[in-house]
Amino acid sequence: MLSELSLPVSLSSRAGEVRLRRAVADDLPGLMALLSDDPISAARGDRADDADEGAYAGALRRVLQAPLNDLLVVDDAEGALVGTLQLTVIPGMARQGATRLLVEAVRVSSSVRSGGIGSAVMRWVMHVAAPATGATLVQLTSDAARVDAHRFYTRLGFAASHIGFKYAL
């Protein structure tokens, strides 16, 4: 399903042309850096410490091996990793058996944030990836503290229609 998406793909943004592609093991340092570049993620423990590399490598391997998951990365014109997101296809019973495409862990490097890269990637998700996977709904969650992100998703046409809950173990 996700493996059938035509990648890599070039996307235009105000920051210039970027390339969206599947993540590979060699992307691990860049992925760790993107997660730690975000203050909310960093506060949760994503600090790109070398001691955590094994945990992240295992997570990357598990995501890439799961057929209904994919981890995508965004490279700038120089080949630097400047963005990432995870996609998960969720087959469901509700909404007459609707398939959902879940978008998680969207990150754009602070050095190029507000350059249109996130918009270009999310439009690709909405207009290319979702239809290609048979999804009738694209959904995501966003931390309540991410007020700028909420405005961003609203501008793209997402509705804040639900309240999410988490239970930490």
Protein backbone atom coordinates (compact mmCIF):
# COMPACT_ATOMS: atom_id res chain seq x y z
CA MET A 1 0.00 0.00 0.00
CA LEU A 2 2.43 2.70 1.16
CA SER A 3 5.26 0.90 -0.61
CA GLU A 4 3.44 1.55 -3.87
CA LEU A 5 3.66 5.34 -3.49
CA SER A 6 5.79 6.84 -6.23
CA LEU A 7 8.80 8.18 -4.33
CA PRO A 8 11.04 10.10 -4.39
CA VAL A 9 9.12 13.14 -5.59
CA SER A 10 10.16 16.76 -6.03
CA LEU A 11 8.03 19.38 -4.30
CA SER A 12 8.11 23.15 -4.69
CA SER A 13 8.17 25.42 -1.67
CA ARG A 14 9.02 29.03 -0.93
CA ALA A 15 12.31 27.70 0.44
CA GLY A 16 13.02 26.10 -2.97
CA GLU A 17 12.73 22.65 -4.44
CA VAL A 18 12.82 19.78 -1.96
CA ARG A 19 12.78 16.03 -2.41
CA LEU A 20 10.39 13.79 -0.47
CA ARG A 21 11.60 10.20 -0.16
CA ARG A 22 11.47 7.13 2.04
CA ALA A 23 13.76 7.15 5.04
CA VAL A 24 16.70 4.75 5.15
CA ALA A 25 18.94 3.65 8.02
CA ASP A 26 21.57 6.27 7.09
CA ASP A 27 19.02 9.00 7.86
CA LEU A 28 19.08 8.16 11.57
CA PRO A 29 21.39 11.02 12.71
CA GLY A 30 19.33 13.57 10.75
CA LEU A 31 16.07 12.19 12.13
CA MET A 32 17.37 12.35 15.68
CA ALA A 33 18.48 15.95 15.06
CA LEU A 34 15.05 16.92 13.71
CA LEU A 35 13.29 15.46 16.73
CA SER A 36 15.62 17.27 19.14
CA ASP A 37 15.25 20.54 17.16
CA ASP A 38 11.67 20.71 18.42
CA PRO A 39 11.32 22.08 21.98
CA ILE A 40 8.26 19.97 22.82
CA SER A 41 9.94 16.77 21.59
CA ALA A 42 13.16 17.69 23.37
CA ALA A 43 11.21 18.16 26.62
CA ARG A 44 9.86 14.61 26.19
CA GLY A 45 13.36 13.18 25.89
CA ASP A 46 14.20 13.51 22.18
CA ARG A 47 17.64 15.07 22.67
CA ALA A 48 19.69 13.30 19.97
CA ASP A 49 22.00 11.80 22.58
CA ASP A 50 24.41 9.19 21.18
CA ALA A 51 23.35 6.90 24.02
CA ASP A 52 19.82 6.80 22.56
CA GLU A 53 20.91 5.83 19.04
CA GLY A 54 20.07 2.15 19.54
CA ALA A 55 16.51 2.92 20.61
CA TYR A 56 15.96 5.18 17.61
CA ALA A 57 17.58 2.69 15.22
CA GLY A 58 15.27 -0.05 16.47
CA ALA A 59 12.24 2.21 16.11
CA LEU A 60 13.23 3.18 12.58
CA ARG A 61 13.68 -0.47 11.64
CA ARG A 62 10.26 -1.41 13.08
CA VAL A 63 8.49 1.43 11.26
CA LEU A 64 10.11 0.63 7.93
CA GLN A 65 9.34 -3.09 8.26
CA ALA A 66 5.63 -2.59 9.05
CA PRO A 67 3.68 -2.73 5.78
CA LEU A 68 1.05 -0.20 6.85
CA ASN A 69 3.68 2.32 8.00
CA ASP A 70 6.24 4.46 6.26
CA LEU A 71 8.67 7.11 7.40
CA LEU A 72 9.38 9.83 4.87
CA VAL A 73 12.09 12.46 4.86
CA VAL A 74 12.58 15.74 3.05
CA ASP A 75 15.93 16.74 1.58
CA ASP A 76 16.76 20.29 0.51
CA ALA A 77 18.59 21.15 -2.75
CA GLU A 78 21.96 20.40 -1.08
CA GLY A 79 20.78 17.01 0.17
CA ALA A 80 20.43 18.04 3.82
CA LEU A 81 17.59 16.36 5.71
CA VAL A 82 15.16 19.17 6.62
CA GLY A 83 11.89 17.37 7.34
CA THR A 84 10.17 14.13 8.23
CA LEU A 85 6.78 12.57 8.84
CA GLN A 86 5.36 9.13 9.51
CA LEU A 87 2.37 7.73 7.64
CA THR A 88 0.21 4.88 8.88
CA VAL A 89 -2.70 3.34 6.99
CA ILE A 90 -5.51 2.38 9.35
CA PRO A 91 -8.20 0.08 7.94
CA GLY A 92 -11.40 0.58 9.89
CA MET A 93 -14.97 -0.47 10.45
CA ALA A 94 -16.42 2.96 11.25
CA ARG A 95 -17.65 5.24 8.46
CA GLN A 96 -18.71 2.22 6.42
CA GLY A 97 -15.29 0.61 6.51
CA ALA A 98 -13.31 3.76 5.80
CA THR A 99 -9.55 3.65 5.57
CA ARG A 100 -7.70 6.46 7.33
CA LEU A 101 -4.25 7.80 6.68
CA LEU A 102 -2.66 8.85 9.97
CA VAL A 103 0.08 11.49 9.85
CA GLU A 104 2.42 11.63 12.83
CA ALA A 105 5.73 13.15 13.91
CA VAL A 106 5.72 15.94 11.34
CA ARG A 107 8.91 17.95 11.74
CA VAL A 108 10.56 20.67 9.66
CA SER A 109 13.97 21.98 10.63
CA SER A 110 13.82 25.30 12.46
CA SER A 111 16.35 26.63 9.93
CA VAL A 112 13.77 26.43 7.12
CA ARG A 113 10.48 26.49 9.04
CA SER A 114 7.84 28.83 7.55
CA GLY A 115 9.38 28.29 4.10
CA GLY A 116 6.41 26.31 2.79
CA ILE A 117 8.04 22.89 3.08
CA GLY A 118 5.46 21.58 5.56
CA SER A 119 2.61 22.86 3.36
CA ALA A 120 4.07 21.21 0.25
CA VAL A 121 4.51 17.89 2.06
CA MET A 122 1.05 17.93 3.64
CA ARG A 123 -0.60 18.80 0.32
CA TRP A 124 1.19 15.82 -1.21
CA VAL A 125 -0.15 13.65 1.63
CA MET A 126 -3.70 14.96 1.13
CA HIS A 127 -3.81 14.91 -2.68
CA VAL A 128 -1.46 12.06 -3.63
CA ALA A 129 -0.73 9.65 -0.75
CA ALA A 130 -4.24 9.50 0.74
CA PRO A 131 -6.03 8.72 -2.55
CA ALA A 132 -3.30 6.24 -3.54
CA THR A 133 -3.83 4.28 -0.31
CA GLY A 134 -7.61 4.34 -0.63
CA ALA A 135 -7.95 6.58 2.42
CA THR A 136 -11.09 8.65 2.72
CA LEU A 137 -9.81 10.57 5.73
CA VAL A 138 -6.43 12.05 6.65
CA GLN A 139 -6.07 12.47 10.38
CA LEU A 140 -3.40 13.64 12.78
CA THR A 141 -2.93 14.64 16.36
CA SER A 142 -1.05 17.65 17.61
CA ASP A 143 0.11 18.48 21.11
CA ALA A 144 -2.18 21.04 22.73
CA ALA A 145 0.82 23.35 23.20
CA ARG A 146 1.53 23.52 19.44
CA VAL A 147 -0.61 26.58 18.73
CA ASP A 148 1.34 27.50 15.57
CA ALA A 149 0.90 23.96 14.25
CA HIS A 150 -2.84 24.16 14.90
CA ARG A 151 -3.06 27.32 12.79
CA PHE A 152 -0.99 25.61 10.08
CA TYR A 153 -3.28 22.55 9.90
CA THR A 154 -6.41 24.72 9.97
CA ARG A 155 -5.06 26.73 7.02
CA LEU A 156 -4.66 23.47 5.12
CA GLY A 157 -8.32 22.59 5.74
CA PHE A 158 -8.05 20.25 8.71
CA ALA A 159 -10.80 20.55 11.32
CA ALA A 160 -10.13 20.31 15.05
CA SER A 161 -13.05 17.89 15.38
CA HIS A 162 -11.98 15.59 18.21
CA ILE A 163 -10.34 15.64 21.60
CA GLY A 164 -7.55 13.10 22.01
CA PHE A 165 -6.53 11.20 25.10
CA LYS A 166 -3.32 9.40 26.01
CA TYR A 167 -2.44 7.04 28.82
CA ALA A 168 1.25 6.86 29.61
CA LEU A 169 2.68 3.49 30.65
